[in-house]
Amino acid sequence: MKARLKQIEGTRFLGESESGHGVVIDPDKQFGASPMELVLMGAGGCTCYDVVSILKKARQDVRDVQVELDADRADSDPKVFTRIHFHFIVHGRDLKPEHVGRAISLSAEKYCSASIMLGKTATLSHDFEIVDCQ
């Protein structure tokens, strides 16, 4: 995997992925997300992908998955994440809570490299709610 960053102005950068996608990275958060916001969103994207894939393999009628992340960081440098809570909101028809819980657990413990990596410095917690789409 490769990536490239190019300075736009001051401490603002344009990040480009190997696949050709770009994102503005701005520590001041005026014109783009901060690097740590991107790390947190990356963990959310990683785990959402897993949860959707696992639920579909379990033949669950999942329609939408969202995750709200709430995190704390250390007070001093390096200001690593010390706590991250993942709250999943899973929409679907007749979803079984045991399948949703299992999908989240598998992602957290086995598949999501981003959150597993962040778990080396942060306490991770997860919960979920199911919204039935009848």
Protein backbone atom coordinates (compact mmCIF):
# COMPACT_ATOMS: atom_id res chain seq x y z
CA MET A 1 0.00 0.00 0.00
CA LYS A 2 1.24 3.46 -0.83
CA ALA A 3 0.08 7.02 -0.23
CA ARG A 4 1.40 10.48 -0.98
CA LEU A 5 0.91 13.83 0.70
CA LYS A 6 1.55 17.19 -0.92
CA GLN A 7 1.60 20.47 0.94
CA ILE A 8 -1.18 22.79 -0.15
CA GLU A 9 -0.51 25.71 2.16
CA GLY A 10 0.97 26.01 5.63
CA THR A 11 0.14 22.82 7.51
CA ARG A 12 -2.63 21.82 5.07
CA PHE A 13 -1.95 18.82 2.84
CA LEU A 14 -3.60 16.90 0.05
CA GLY A 15 -3.38 13.18 0.71
CA GLU A 16 -3.65 10.83 -2.25
CA SER A 17 -4.13 7.10 -1.99
CA GLU A 18 -2.56 4.58 -4.31
CA SER A 19 -6.03 4.07 -5.78
CA GLY A 20 -6.16 7.75 -6.79
CA HIS A 21 -8.54 9.10 -4.13
CA GLY A 22 -7.77 12.37 -2.40
CA VAL A 23 -8.53 14.00 0.92
CA VAL A 24 -7.60 17.34 2.42
CA ILE A 25 -5.78 16.98 5.73
CA ASP A 26 -5.83 20.09 7.90
CA PRO A 27 -4.71 20.03 11.56
CA ASP A 28 -6.60 23.32 12.04
CA LYS A 29 -9.82 21.65 10.80
CA GLN A 30 -10.80 24.65 8.68
CA PHE A 31 -10.62 23.04 5.24
CA GLY A 32 -10.39 19.32 5.99
CA ALA A 33 -10.23 16.68 8.66
CA SER A 34 -7.31 16.49 11.08
CA PRO A 35 -5.00 13.48 10.84
CA MET A 36 -6.43 11.95 14.02
CA GLU A 37 -10.01 12.50 12.82
CA LEU A 38 -9.07 10.55 9.70
CA VAL A 39 -7.60 7.75 11.83
CA LEU A 40 -10.85 7.56 13.80
CA MET A 41 -12.97 7.63 10.64
CA GLY A 42 -10.72 4.95 9.13
CA ALA A 43 -11.41 2.67 12.07
CA GLY A 44 -15.13 3.34 11.68
CA GLY A 45 -15.03 2.58 7.96
CA CYS A 46 -13.03 -0.58 8.52
CA THR A 47 -15.41 -1.99 11.11
CA CYS A 48 -18.57 -0.96 9.21
CA TYR A 49 -17.29 -2.82 6.14
CA ASP A 50 -16.74 -5.93 8.27
CA VAL A 51 -20.13 -5.74 9.97
CA VAL A 52 -22.01 -5.37 6.67
CA SER A 53 -20.04 -8.24 5.07
CA ILE A 54 -20.55 -10.58 8.04
CA LEU A 55 -24.28 -9.80 8.30
CA LYS A 56 -24.79 -10.40 4.58
CA LYS A 57 -22.97 -13.75 4.82
CA ALA A 58 -25.32 -14.61 7.69
CA ARG A 59 -28.21 -13.84 5.31
CA GLN A 60 -29.40 -10.93 7.42
CA ASP A 61 -31.49 -8.34 5.57
CA VAL A 62 -29.27 -5.39 6.48
CA ARG A 63 -30.21 -2.09 4.83
CA ASP A 64 -27.91 0.46 6.46
CA VAL A 65 -25.11 0.51 9.00
CA GLN A 66 -23.83 3.57 10.80
CA VAL A 67 -21.28 3.81 13.56
CA GLU A 68 -20.90 6.77 15.89
CA LEU A 69 -17.45 6.96 17.45
CA ASP A 70 -16.62 8.77 20.66
CA ALA A 71 -12.95 8.95 21.61
CA ASP A 72 -10.58 10.42 24.18
CA ARG A 73 -6.92 11.19 23.63
CA ALA A 74 -3.96 11.43 25.96
CA ASP A 75 -3.29 14.89 27.39
CA SER A 76 0.41 14.88 26.51
CA ASP A 77 2.41 13.94 23.42
CA PRO A 78 2.06 11.60 21.74
CA LYS A 79 -1.66 12.26 22.05
CA VAL A 80 -2.76 8.72 21.22
CA PHE A 81 -6.32 7.56 21.58
CA THR A 82 -6.92 6.23 25.09
CA ARG A 83 -10.62 5.33 24.77
CA ILE A 84 -12.85 4.71 21.76
CA HIS A 85 -16.51 3.76 21.95
CA PHE A 86 -18.23 2.40 18.83
CA HIS A 87 -22.03 2.75 18.79
CA PHE A 88 -23.56 0.90 15.83
CA ILE A 89 -26.99 1.69 14.43
CA VAL A 90 -28.03 -1.17 12.17
CA HIS A 91 -31.12 -0.87 9.98
CA GLY A 92 -32.74 -3.91 8.42
CA ARG A 93 -35.65 -6.33 8.37
CA ASP A 94 -35.98 -8.95 11.07
CA LEU A 95 -32.34 -8.62 12.12
CA LYS A 96 -31.36 -11.00 14.87
CA PRO A 97 -29.51 -9.26 17.74
CA GLU A 98 -27.23 -12.29 18.18
CA HIS A 99 -26.07 -11.96 14.55
CA VAL A 100 -25.45 -8.23 14.90
CA GLY A 101 -23.52 -8.71 18.15
CA ARG A 102 -21.47 -11.52 16.64
CA ALA A 103 -20.63 -9.44 13.54
CA ILE A 104 -19.41 -6.57 15.74
CA SER A 105 -17.38 -8.93 17.94
CA LEU A 106 -15.75 -10.64 14.95
CA SER A 107 -14.81 -7.28 13.48
CA ALA A 108 -13.41 -6.03 16.79
CA GLU A 109 -11.48 -9.17 17.67
CA LYS A 110 -10.43 -10.65 14.34
CA TYR A 111 -10.96 -8.63 11.16
CA CYS A 112 -10.72 -4.84 11.58
CA SER A 113 -7.00 -4.12 11.44
CA ALA A 114 -7.55 -0.42 12.13
CA SER A 115 -9.44 -0.84 15.39
CA ILE A 116 -7.28 -3.77 16.50
CA MET A 117 -4.22 -1.56 15.99
CA LEU A 118 -5.85 1.31 17.92
CA GLY A 119 -6.70 -1.15 20.68
CA LYS A 120 -2.97 -1.30 21.50
CA THR A 121 -3.26 2.14 23.15
CA ALA A 122 -6.99 2.63 23.66
CA THR A 123 -9.71 0.86 25.58
CA LEU A 124 -12.33 -0.09 22.98
CA SER A 125 -16.00 -0.63 23.71
CA HIS A 126 -18.96 -1.42 21.47
CA ASP A 127 -22.73 -1.40 21.62
CA PHE A 128 -25.52 -1.41 19.06
CA GLU A 129 -29.12 -0.69 18.36
CA ILE A 130 -31.28 -2.24 15.70
CA VAL A 131 -33.80 -0.24 13.69
CA ASP A 132 -36.38 -2.50 12.07
CA CYS A 133 -37.38 -1.50 8.54
CA GLN A 134 -40.83 -3.04 8.06
